[in-house]
Every structure is written in C-alpha cells, then in structure tokens.
C-alpha cells in the first residue's frame, strides 16, 4: 500500500524478543488508524502539534506475525505496538522484507534484548542477602586473600613513563645531597 499523497512516514523504531516484536511510532498522533495482517503493519495518523503533518506507513514484515495477538499502548509521545511472531524462534535480521534501508526505521535499543541475553543472565540466588541474614560479617568475606594493609605500598612498582623516572632520579639525587 503506497502512502497517500501529502503524507510522510512517521519515525518508527523497533525491537524484538524470540517470540515478539515491538513497533513504536515515535511521534504523538491523533486520528489514529492501524491494522496488522500476517505480513504487514499499517499506520495512519495526524501529528498532534502540527495538524497539517499527516503520517502514513506500511511495513511489510520479513516473516509472518500473529495478527490476533497485537496489543498497543498510547504512551503520549509515542504509540507502542506489541506484535507476536507467528513462530517463536531465532531473531530476525531485519523487521521488513524491503531490500533498501528505510530512512524512518531505526532499532530501539532501550527495548532491545539480544538473543544471548536470556542465557547470560545469572539467576539471583540471593547469595549476599542470605549471608547477611546468617549474620556473616561482609567485611571479612574476602579475608582469605591474605592482603596485609602494610603491603599496600606502591614503592616497588615500576614507572609507566620516562618523565616519572626522571622525576624519581631527581628526587633521589636531592635526598643524597641533603644527607651529606
């Protein structure tokens, strides 16, 4: 479906999970019309602040979605659509099947979650909370490292730059002169 004459595509961002997509219309609109089919998303609306600015866009999905499981939220400055993929599975490399980059379509990294994020998340087993409840002193938790407070000096650490070495040599010479 081609945009209606005198309309422009709204700024759109998107993100995904294994089972769903987020499509966000990043502008405050009124007179909103939208529809989702198995293969496309259509949006039409009018800018709230500039009523002469009319939006119209159709996105042709890369893979099928479930048009019966679509929810939307009007968050004021944007409209957020949650659209479930027809088949849960690997992430899509792109939202649309368009061969060219759509200038108004961007990734929404605040909503984005990588496929590997689910696997990388460590379960919150409450280890530290459990230790505190048992009465274990958190300050002594790492006593087995055998670090003495007296050995905290950095006198034996080599210099990182030539200037530091020159200053150290100058200080040594000055102290030798004072001792004589």
N, C-alpha and C. Protein backbone atom coordinates (compact mmCIF):
# COMPACT_ATOMS: atom_id res chain seq x y z
N UNK A 1 0.85 -1.18 0.00
CA UNK A 1 0.00 0.00 0.00
C UNK A 1 0.89 1.24 0.00
N UNK A 2 0.82 2.04 -1.00
CA UNK A 2 1.62 3.26 -1.11
C UNK A 2 1.04 4.34 -0.21
N UNK A 3 1.90 5.21 0.34
CA UNK A 3 1.40 6.30 1.18
C UNK A 3 0.49 7.22 0.38
N UNK A 4 -0.46 7.79 1.06
CA UNK A 4 -1.39 8.74 0.45
C UNK A 4 -0.63 10.02 0.15
N UNK A 5 -0.95 10.67 -0.97
CA UNK A 5 -0.29 11.92 -1.36
C UNK A 5 -0.41 12.94 -0.23
N UNK A 6 0.69 13.63 0.06
CA UNK A 6 0.68 14.65 1.11
C UNK A 6 0.97 14.07 2.49
N UNK A 7 1.31 12.80 2.56
CA UNK A 7 1.65 12.20 3.84
C UNK A 7 3.12 11.81 3.83
N UNK A 8 3.66 11.63 5.03
CA UNK A 8 5.04 11.19 5.19
C UNK A 8 5.06 10.02 6.17
N UNK A 9 6.09 9.18 6.11
CA UNK A 9 6.17 8.11 7.11
C UNK A 9 6.59 8.70 8.46
N UNK A 10 6.00 8.22 9.54
CA UNK A 10 6.40 8.71 10.86
C UNK A 10 7.73 8.07 11.26
N UNK A 11 8.42 8.67 12.23
CA UNK A 11 9.61 7.99 12.74
C UNK A 11 9.16 6.72 13.46
N UNK A 12 9.77 5.59 13.10
CA UNK A 12 9.39 4.30 13.66
C UNK A 12 10.64 3.64 14.22
N UNK A 13 10.52 3.03 15.40
CA UNK A 13 11.61 2.23 15.94
C UNK A 13 11.06 0.85 16.28
N UNK A 14 11.97 -0.11 16.40
CA UNK A 14 11.52 -1.47 16.66
C UNK A 14 12.57 -2.23 17.48
N UNK A 15 12.09 -3.27 18.13
CA UNK A 15 12.95 -4.17 18.89
C UNK A 15 12.28 -5.54 18.86
N UNK A 16 12.98 -6.55 19.32
CA UNK A 16 12.39 -7.89 19.28
C UNK A 16 12.87 -8.77 20.41
N UNK A 17 12.13 -9.82 20.63
CA UNK A 17 12.46 -10.93 21.51
C UNK A 17 12.26 -12.19 20.67
N UNK A 18 12.50 -13.34 21.25
CA UNK A 18 12.30 -14.59 20.49
C UNK A 18 10.88 -14.74 19.99
N UNK A 19 9.91 -14.30 20.79
CA UNK A 19 8.51 -14.55 20.45
C UNK A 19 7.73 -13.33 20.00
N UNK A 20 8.31 -12.12 20.11
CA UNK A 20 7.53 -10.92 19.77
C UNK A 20 8.37 -9.80 19.21
N UNK A 21 7.65 -8.83 18.65
CA UNK A 21 8.24 -7.60 18.11
C UNK A 21 7.64 -6.40 18.81
N UNK A 22 8.42 -5.36 18.96
CA UNK A 22 7.89 -4.07 19.40
C UNK A 22 8.03 -3.13 18.21
N UNK A 23 6.96 -2.49 17.83
CA UNK A 23 6.98 -1.46 16.79
C UNK A 23 6.48 -0.19 17.45
N UNK A 24 7.32 0.83 17.46
CA UNK A 24 7.00 2.08 18.17
C UNK A 24 6.91 3.22 17.16
N UNK A 25 5.77 3.88 17.13
CA UNK A 25 5.59 5.09 16.33
C UNK A 25 6.05 6.24 17.23
N UNK A 26 7.18 6.83 16.90
CA UNK A 26 7.83 7.79 17.78
C UNK A 26 7.37 9.23 17.57
N UNK A 27 6.06 9.45 17.55
CA UNK A 27 5.52 10.80 17.42
C UNK A 27 4.12 10.79 18.03
N UNK A 28 3.73 11.89 18.63
CA UNK A 28 2.40 11.99 19.24
C UNK A 28 1.37 12.25 18.14
N UNK A 29 0.39 11.35 18.05
CA UNK A 29 -0.59 11.44 16.96
C UNK A 29 -2.03 11.44 17.47
N UNK A 30 -2.90 11.94 16.59
CA UNK A 30 -4.35 11.85 16.81
C UNK A 30 -4.95 11.28 15.53
N UNK A 31 -6.23 11.00 15.54
CA UNK A 31 -6.92 10.41 14.38
C UNK A 31 -6.17 9.16 13.89
N UNK A 32 -5.87 8.29 14.83
CA UNK A 32 -5.04 7.12 14.56
C UNK A 32 -5.84 5.99 13.93
N UNK A 33 -5.26 5.40 12.91
CA UNK A 33 -5.79 4.18 12.30
C UNK A 33 -4.61 3.22 12.15
N UNK A 34 -4.83 1.99 12.53
CA UNK A 34 -3.76 1.00 12.34
C UNK A 34 -4.38 -0.36 12.09
N UNK A 35 -3.62 -1.18 11.38
CA UNK A 35 -4.06 -2.56 11.14
C UNK A 35 -2.83 -3.44 11.00
N UNK A 36 -3.00 -4.69 11.42
CA UNK A 36 -1.92 -5.66 11.33
C UNK A 36 -2.46 -6.90 10.64
N UNK A 37 -1.78 -7.33 9.60
CA UNK A 37 -2.10 -8.60 8.95
C UNK A 37 -0.95 -9.54 9.22
N UNK A 38 -1.04 -10.73 8.73
CA UNK A 38 0.02 -11.71 8.94
C UNK A 38 1.35 -11.24 8.35
N UNK A 39 1.29 -10.40 7.32
CA UNK A 39 2.51 -9.99 6.63
C UNK A 39 2.83 -8.50 6.68
N UNK A 40 1.92 -7.68 7.27
CA UNK A 40 2.19 -6.24 7.23
C UNK A 40 1.59 -5.50 8.43
N UNK A 41 2.10 -4.29 8.61
CA UNK A 41 1.62 -3.36 9.64
C UNK A 41 1.34 -2.04 8.92
N UNK A 42 0.14 -1.49 9.13
CA UNK A 42 -0.20 -0.22 8.51
C UNK A 42 -0.58 0.77 9.60
N UNK A 43 -0.08 1.99 9.48
CA UNK A 43 -0.38 3.05 10.45
C UNK A 43 -0.67 4.33 9.70
N UNK A 44 -1.67 5.05 10.21
CA UNK A 44 -2.04 6.36 9.67
C UNK A 44 -2.43 7.25 10.85
N UNK A 45 -1.99 8.49 10.86
CA UNK A 45 -2.33 9.41 11.93
C UNK A 45 -1.92 10.83 11.60
N UNK A 46 -2.34 11.76 12.47
CA UNK A 46 -2.05 13.18 12.30
C UNK A 46 -1.25 13.66 13.50
N UNK A 47 -0.22 14.44 13.26
CA UNK A 47 0.60 14.99 14.32
C UNK A 47 -0.26 15.87 15.22
N UNK A 48 -0.13 15.71 16.53
CA UNK A 48 -0.93 16.47 17.49
C UNK A 48 -0.57 17.95 17.46
N UNK A 49 0.71 18.27 17.35
CA UNK A 49 1.15 19.66 17.40
C UNK A 49 1.06 20.38 16.06
N UNK A 50 1.23 19.62 14.98
CA UNK A 50 1.16 20.21 13.64
C UNK A 50 0.12 19.43 12.84
N UNK A 51 -1.12 19.90 12.89
CA UNK A 51 -2.22 19.15 12.28
C UNK A 51 -2.12 19.04 10.76
N UNK A 52 -1.26 19.83 10.14
CA UNK A 52 -1.07 19.70 8.70
C UNK A 52 -0.08 18.58 8.36
N UNK A 53 0.59 18.02 9.37
CA UNK A 53 1.54 16.93 9.15
C UNK A 53 0.81 15.60 9.34
N UNK A 54 0.63 14.89 8.24
CA UNK A 54 -0.10 13.63 8.26
C UNK A 54 0.88 12.49 7.98
N UNK A 55 0.70 11.39 8.73
CA UNK A 55 1.59 10.25 8.62
C UNK A 55 0.86 9.06 8.02
N UNK A 56 1.61 8.28 7.25
CA UNK A 56 1.07 7.07 6.66
C UNK A 56 2.24 6.15 6.35
N UNK A 57 2.19 4.91 6.83
CA UNK A 57 3.27 3.98 6.56
C UNK A 57 2.73 2.55 6.56
N UNK A 58 3.31 1.72 5.71
CA UNK A 58 3.05 0.29 5.70
C UNK A 58 4.39 -0.42 5.77
N UNK A 59 4.52 -1.31 6.74
CA UNK A 59 5.73 -2.11 6.90
C UNK A 59 5.39 -3.54 6.50
N UNK A 60 6.12 -4.10 5.56
CA UNK A 60 5.93 -5.49 5.16
C UNK A 60 6.92 -6.35 5.93
N UNK A 61 6.40 -7.17 6.85
CA UNK A 61 7.25 -7.95 7.75
C UNK A 61 8.11 -8.95 6.98
N UNK A 62 9.27 -9.22 7.54
CA UNK A 62 10.19 -10.20 6.97
C UNK A 62 9.60 -11.60 7.05
N UNK A 63 8.94 -11.90 8.17
CA UNK A 63 8.30 -13.20 8.40
C UNK A 63 6.88 -12.97 8.92
N UNK A 64 6.03 -13.98 8.90
CA UNK A 64 4.65 -13.81 9.36
C UNK A 64 4.55 -13.53 10.87
N UNK A 65 3.50 -12.79 11.22
CA UNK A 65 3.18 -12.49 12.62
C UNK A 65 1.76 -12.99 12.90
N UNK A 66 1.38 -12.96 14.16
CA UNK A 66 0.04 -13.36 14.56
C UNK A 66 -0.81 -12.10 14.73
N UNK A 67 -1.67 -11.77 13.76
CA UNK A 67 -2.44 -10.52 13.84
C UNK A 67 -3.48 -10.53 14.96
N UNK A 68 -3.79 -11.70 15.50
CA UNK A 68 -4.77 -11.79 16.59
C UNK A 68 -4.16 -11.46 17.95
N UNK A 69 -2.84 -11.46 18.03
CA UNK A 69 -2.16 -11.20 19.31
C UNK A 69 -1.39 -9.89 19.22
N UNK A 70 -2.08 -8.80 18.95
CA UNK A 70 -1.45 -7.48 18.86
C UNK A 70 -2.04 -6.60 19.96
N UNK A 71 -1.17 -5.97 20.72
CA UNK A 71 -1.64 -5.00 21.72
C UNK A 71 -0.95 -3.67 21.43
N UNK A 72 -1.56 -2.59 21.89
CA UNK A 72 -0.92 -1.28 21.71
C UNK A 72 -1.17 -0.41 22.93
N UNK A 73 -0.21 0.49 23.15
CA UNK A 73 -0.28 1.44 24.26
C UNK A 73 0.01 2.82 23.70
N UNK A 74 -0.84 3.77 24.05
CA UNK A 74 -0.58 5.16 23.71
C UNK A 74 0.13 5.77 24.91
N UNK A 75 1.42 6.00 24.77
CA UNK A 75 2.24 6.48 25.88
C UNK A 75 2.36 8.01 25.85
N UNK A 76 1.56 8.66 25.06
CA UNK A 76 1.61 10.13 24.98
C UNK A 76 2.47 10.57 23.82
N UNK A 77 3.77 10.48 23.98
CA UNK A 77 4.66 10.92 22.91
C UNK A 77 4.92 9.84 21.87
N UNK A 78 4.42 8.64 22.11
CA UNK A 78 4.60 7.58 21.13
C UNK A 78 3.51 6.52 21.30
N UNK A 79 3.37 5.70 20.28
CA UNK A 79 2.45 4.57 20.30
C UNK A 79 3.29 3.31 20.21
N UNK A 80 3.07 2.41 21.16
CA UNK A 80 3.86 1.19 21.19
C UNK A 80 2.98 0.00 20.86
N UNK A 81 3.37 -0.75 19.84
CA UNK A 81 2.64 -1.94 19.43
C UNK A 81 3.47 -3.17 19.78
N UNK A 82 2.84 -4.13 20.42
CA UNK A 82 3.47 -5.41 20.71
C UNK A 82 2.83 -6.43 19.78
N UNK A 83 3.64 -7.02 18.92
CA UNK A 83 3.14 -7.91 17.89
C UNK A 83 3.85 -9.25 18.04
N UNK A 84 3.09 -10.30 18.23
CA UNK A 84 3.69 -11.63 18.41
C UNK A 84 4.03 -12.25 17.07
N UNK A 85 5.21 -12.85 17.01
CA UNK A 85 5.63 -13.57 15.80
C UNK A 85 4.76 -14.81 15.64
N UNK A 86 4.54 -15.22 14.43
CA UNK A 86 3.75 -16.44 14.19
C UNK A 86 4.48 -17.65 14.78
N UNK A 87 5.80 -17.67 14.61
CA UNK A 87 6.61 -18.75 15.16
C UNK A 87 7.71 -18.16 16.01
N UNK A 88 7.75 -18.58 17.27
CA UNK A 88 8.82 -18.15 18.15
C UNK A 88 10.11 -18.81 17.65
N UNK A 89 11.18 -18.10 17.74
CA UNK A 89 12.41 -18.70 17.26
C UNK A 89 13.52 -17.70 17.16
N UNK A 90 14.41 -17.93 16.23
CA UNK A 90 15.58 -17.05 16.15
C UNK A 90 15.18 -15.62 15.79
N UNK A 91 16.06 -14.70 16.18
CA UNK A 91 15.82 -13.30 15.88
C UNK A 91 15.85 -13.05 14.38
N UNK A 92 15.05 -12.11 13.95
CA UNK A 92 15.02 -11.72 12.55
C UNK A 92 16.20 -10.78 12.30
N UNK A 93 16.83 -10.90 11.15
CA UNK A 93 17.93 -9.97 10.85
C UNK A 93 17.42 -8.56 10.52
N UNK A 94 16.14 -8.44 10.18
CA UNK A 94 15.53 -7.15 9.87
C UNK A 94 14.03 -7.25 10.16
N UNK A 95 13.39 -6.11 10.32
CA UNK A 95 11.94 -6.10 10.55
C UNK A 95 11.17 -6.33 9.26
N UNK A 96 11.65 -5.72 8.19
CA UNK A 96 10.89 -5.76 6.94
C UNK A 96 11.62 -6.56 5.87
N UNK A 97 10.89 -6.87 4.81
CA UNK A 97 11.50 -7.56 3.68
C UNK A 97 11.99 -6.59 2.62
N UNK A 98 12.01 -5.30 2.94
CA UNK A 98 12.49 -4.28 1.99
C UNK A 98 13.99 -4.48 1.74
N UNK A 99 14.38 -4.34 0.50
CA UNK A 99 15.79 -4.52 0.12
C UNK A 99 16.62 -3.27 0.43
N UNK A 100 15.97 -2.13 0.52
CA UNK A 100 16.68 -0.89 0.84
C UNK A 100 16.39 -0.48 2.28
N UNK A 101 17.30 0.29 2.86
CA UNK A 101 17.11 0.76 4.23
C UNK A 101 16.03 1.84 4.25
N UNK A 102 15.10 1.68 5.14
CA UNK A 102 14.03 2.68 5.29
C UNK A 102 14.56 3.79 6.20
N UNK A 103 14.61 5.01 5.72
CA UNK A 103 15.22 6.12 6.46
C UNK A 103 14.51 6.45 7.76
N UNK A 104 13.25 6.11 7.90
CA UNK A 104 12.47 6.45 9.09
C UNK A 104 12.46 5.32 10.12
N UNK A 105 13.05 4.16 9.80
CA UNK A 105 13.00 2.98 10.67
C UNK A 105 14.35 2.77 11.35
N UNK A 106 14.31 2.70 12.68
CA UNK A 106 15.54 2.55 13.47
C UNK A 106 15.33 1.50 14.55
N UNK A 107 16.41 0.93 15.02
CA UNK A 107 16.36 -0.01 16.15
C UNK A 107 16.14 0.78 17.44
N UNK A 108 15.32 0.26 18.33
CA UNK A 108 15.06 0.88 19.63
C UNK A 108 15.88 0.11 20.66
N UNK A 109 17.06 0.62 20.98
CA UNK A 109 17.97 -0.11 21.85
C UNK A 109 17.54 -0.12 23.31
N UNK A 110 16.65 0.77 23.71
CA UNK A 110 16.17 0.72 25.09
C UNK A 110 15.24 -0.47 25.30
N UNK A 111 14.61 -0.94 24.25
CA UNK A 111 13.74 -2.11 24.34
C UNK A 111 14.41 -3.38 23.84
N UNK A 112 15.51 -3.21 23.15
CA UNK A 112 16.17 -4.35 22.52
C UNK A 112 16.77 -5.28 23.57
N UNK A 113 16.70 -6.56 23.29
CA UNK A 113 17.32 -7.57 24.13
C UNK A 113 17.90 -8.61 23.18
N UNK A 114 19.19 -8.85 23.26
CA UNK A 114 19.83 -9.81 22.37
C UNK A 114 19.40 -11.23 22.68
N UNK A 115 19.50 -12.09 21.69
CA UNK A 115 19.13 -13.49 21.87
C UNK A 115 19.93 -14.11 23.01
N UNK A 116 21.19 -13.77 23.11
CA UNK A 116 22.06 -14.38 24.12
C UNK A 116 21.82 -13.82 25.53
N UNK A 117 21.09 -12.71 25.65
CA UNK A 117 20.85 -12.12 26.96
C UNK A 117 20.09 -13.07 27.88
N UNK A 118 19.19 -13.88 27.33
CA UNK A 118 18.43 -14.82 28.15
C UNK A 118 19.36 -15.85 28.77
N UNK A 119 20.36 -16.29 28.02
CA UNK A 119 21.27 -17.31 28.52
C UNK A 119 22.29 -16.73 29.48
N UNK A 120 22.71 -15.48 29.24
CA UNK A 120 23.76 -14.89 30.04
C UNK A 120 23.30 -14.43 31.42
N UNK A 121 22.02 -14.25 31.60
CA UNK A 121 21.53 -13.74 32.87
C UNK A 121 21.79 -14.74 33.98
N UNK A 122 22.42 -14.25 35.03
CA UNK A 122 22.70 -15.10 36.18
C UNK A 122 21.47 -15.09 37.08
N UNK A 123 21.08 -16.24 37.58
CA UNK A 123 19.93 -16.23 38.49
C UNK A 123 20.29 -15.51 39.77
N UNK A 124 19.37 -14.76 40.28
CA UNK A 124 19.59 -14.04 41.53
C UNK A 124 19.31 -15.02 42.66
N UNK A 125 20.39 -15.63 43.15
CA UNK A 125 20.19 -16.63 44.20
C UNK A 125 20.22 -16.00 45.59
N UNK A 126 20.37 -14.70 45.66
CA UNK A 126 20.33 -14.02 46.96
C UNK A 126 21.52 -14.35 47.83
N UNK A 127 22.67 -14.67 47.24
CA UNK A 127 23.83 -15.11 47.99
C UNK A 127 24.21 -14.10 49.07
N UNK A 128 24.33 -12.83 48.72
CA UNK A 128 24.77 -11.84 49.69
C UNK A 128 23.69 -11.58 50.74
N UNK A 129 22.45 -11.58 50.32
CA UNK A 129 21.36 -11.39 51.28
C UNK A 129 21.32 -12.55 52.26
N UNK A 130 21.47 -13.76 51.75
CA UNK A 130 21.48 -14.93 52.64
C UNK A 130 22.63 -14.85 53.63
N UNK A 131 23.81 -14.41 53.19
CA UNK A 131 24.96 -14.29 54.08
C UNK A 131 24.69 -13.25 55.16
N UNK A 132 24.05 -12.15 54.80
CA UNK A 132 23.76 -11.12 55.80
C UNK A 132 22.73 -11.64 56.80
N UNK A 133 21.76 -12.38 56.31
CA UNK A 133 20.76 -12.92 57.22
C UNK A 133 21.36 -13.94 58.18
N UNK A 134 22.39 -14.65 57.74
CA UNK A 134 23.06 -15.62 58.61
C UNK A 134 23.93 -14.93 59.63
N UNK A 135 24.15 -13.63 59.46
CA UNK A 135 24.97 -12.90 60.40
C UNK A 135 26.44 -12.88 60.01
N UNK A 136 26.78 -13.34 58.83
CA UNK A 136 28.17 -13.33 58.40
C UNK A 136 28.61 -11.89 58.18
N UNK A 137 29.79 -11.58 58.66
CA UNK A 137 30.33 -10.23 58.52
C UNK A 137 30.83 -10.04 57.09
N UNK A 138 30.21 -9.13 56.36
CA UNK A 138 30.56 -8.92 54.96
C UNK A 138 31.99 -8.38 54.80
N UNK A 139 32.52 -7.66 55.82
CA UNK A 139 33.89 -7.14 55.73
C UNK A 139 34.91 -8.26 55.74
N UNK A 140 34.60 -9.38 56.37
CA UNK A 140 35.54 -10.50 56.46
C UNK A 140 35.34 -11.51 55.34
N UNK A 141 34.51 -11.23 54.43
CA UNK A 141 34.16 -12.17 53.37
C UNK A 141 35.36 -12.54 52.49
N UNK A 142 36.32 -11.62 52.33
CA UNK A 142 37.46 -11.87 51.46
C UNK A 142 38.77 -11.95 52.24
N UNK A 143 38.73 -12.37 53.48
CA UNK A 143 39.93 -12.46 54.30
C UNK A 143 40.92 -13.49 53.79
N UNK A 144 40.48 -14.44 53.03
CA UNK A 144 41.38 -15.50 52.56
C UNK A 144 42.33 -15.04 51.47
N UNK A 145 42.30 -13.78 51.08
CA UNK A 145 43.23 -13.28 50.08
C UNK A 145 44.58 -12.92 50.70
N UNK A 146 44.69 -12.90 52.01
CA UNK A 146 45.94 -12.63 52.73
C UNK A 146 46.60 -11.34 52.27
N UNK A 147 45.86 -10.29 52.20
CA UNK A 147 46.40 -8.99 51.83
C UNK A 147 46.62 -8.20 53.12
N UNK A 148 47.89 -7.84 53.36
CA UNK A 148 48.20 -7.05 54.55
C UNK A 148 48.07 -5.58 54.21
N UNK A 149 47.56 -4.83 55.15
CA UNK A 149 47.41 -3.39 54.93
C UNK A 149 48.77 -2.72 54.77
N UNK A 150 49.82 -3.28 55.43
CA UNK A 150 51.15 -2.69 55.35
C UNK A 150 51.76 -2.85 53.96
N UNK A 151 51.37 -3.89 53.24
CA UNK A 151 51.93 -4.15 51.92
C UNK A 151 51.22 -3.37 50.83
N UNK A 152 50.43 -2.38 51.21
CA UNK A 152 49.64 -1.63 50.25
C UNK A 152 50.46 -0.53 49.57
N UNK A 153 51.75 -0.54 49.76
CA UNK A 153 52.61 0.49 49.19
C UNK A 153 52.88 0.19 47.73
N UNK A 154 53.05 1.23 46.94
CA UNK A 154 53.37 1.04 45.53
C UNK A 154 54.80 1.47 45.23
N UNK A 155 55.66 1.40 46.24
CA UNK A 155 57.05 1.83 46.07
C UNK A 155 57.80 0.97 45.06
N UNK A 156 57.49 -0.30 44.96
CA UNK A 156 58.24 -1.21 44.10
C UNK A 156 57.64 -1.36 42.71
N UNK A 157 56.64 -0.55 42.39
CA UNK A 157 56.01 -0.63 41.08
C UNK A 157 56.80 0.24 40.12
N UNK A 158 57.20 -0.32 38.98
CA UNK A 158 57.99 0.48 38.03
C UNK A 158 57.16 1.62 37.43
N UNK A 159 57.85 2.64 37.02
CA UNK A 159 57.22 3.82 36.43
C UNK A 159 56.66 3.48 35.05
N UNK A 160 55.60 4.16 34.66
CA UNK A 160 54.98 3.94 33.36
C UNK A 160 55.48 4.88 32.28
N UNK A 161 56.15 5.94 32.66
CA UNK A 161 56.62 6.89 31.65
C UNK A 161 58.03 7.36 31.98
N UNK A 162 58.73 7.85 31.00
CA UNK A 162 60.10 8.34 31.17
C UNK A 162 60.12 9.56 32.09
N UNK A 163 59.08 10.42 32.03
CA UNK A 163 59.04 11.62 32.87
C UNK A 163 59.01 11.26 34.34
N UNK A 164 58.25 10.22 34.68
CA UNK A 164 58.18 9.79 36.08
C UNK A 164 59.55 9.32 36.55
N UNK A 165 60.28 8.59 35.68
CA UNK A 165 61.60 8.09 36.06
C UNK A 165 62.56 9.25 36.28
N UNK A 166 62.51 10.27 35.40
CA UNK A 166 63.38 11.43 35.53
C UNK A 166 63.12 12.15 36.85
N UNK A 167 61.84 12.30 37.22
CA UNK A 167 61.49 12.98 38.47
C UNK A 167 61.97 12.17 39.66
N UNK A 168 61.83 10.82 39.58
CA UNK A 168 62.27 9.97 40.69
C UNK A 168 63.79 10.07 40.87
N UNK A 169 64.56 10.08 39.76
CA UNK A 169 66.01 10.20 39.84
C UNK A 169 66.40 11.55 40.44
N UNK A 170 65.70 12.61 40.07
CA UNK A 170 65.99 13.94 40.58
C UNK A 170 65.75 13.99 42.09
N UNK A 171 64.65 13.36 42.54
CA UNK A 171 64.36 13.33 43.97
C UNK A 171 65.44 12.56 44.73
N UNK A 172 65.90 11.44 44.15
CA UNK A 172 66.94 10.64 44.80
C UNK A 172 68.22 11.44 44.94
N UNK A 173 68.61 12.19 43.89
CA UNK A 173 69.82 12.99 43.93
C UNK A 173 69.70 14.09 44.98
N UNK A 174 68.51 14.72 45.05
CA UNK A 174 68.28 15.78 46.04
C UNK A 174 68.38 15.24 47.45
N UNK A 175 67.85 14.06 47.69
CA UNK A 175 67.90 13.49 49.03
C UNK A 175 69.32 13.07 49.40
N UNK A 176 70.12 12.62 48.40
CA UNK A 176 71.50 12.25 48.67
C UNK A 176 72.33 13.47 49.08
N UNK A 177 72.05 14.63 48.42
CA UNK A 177 72.77 15.86 48.75
C UNK A 177 72.44 16.32 50.18
N UNK A 178 71.20 16.16 50.60
CA UNK A 178 70.79 16.58 51.93
C UNK A 178 71.42 15.71 53.00
N UNK A 179 71.65 14.44 52.70
CA UNK A 179 72.23 13.52 53.68
C UNK A 179 73.69 13.82 53.92
N UNK A 180 74.44 14.37 52.96
CA UNK A 180 75.89 14.64 53.08
C UNK A 180 76.15 15.86 53.85
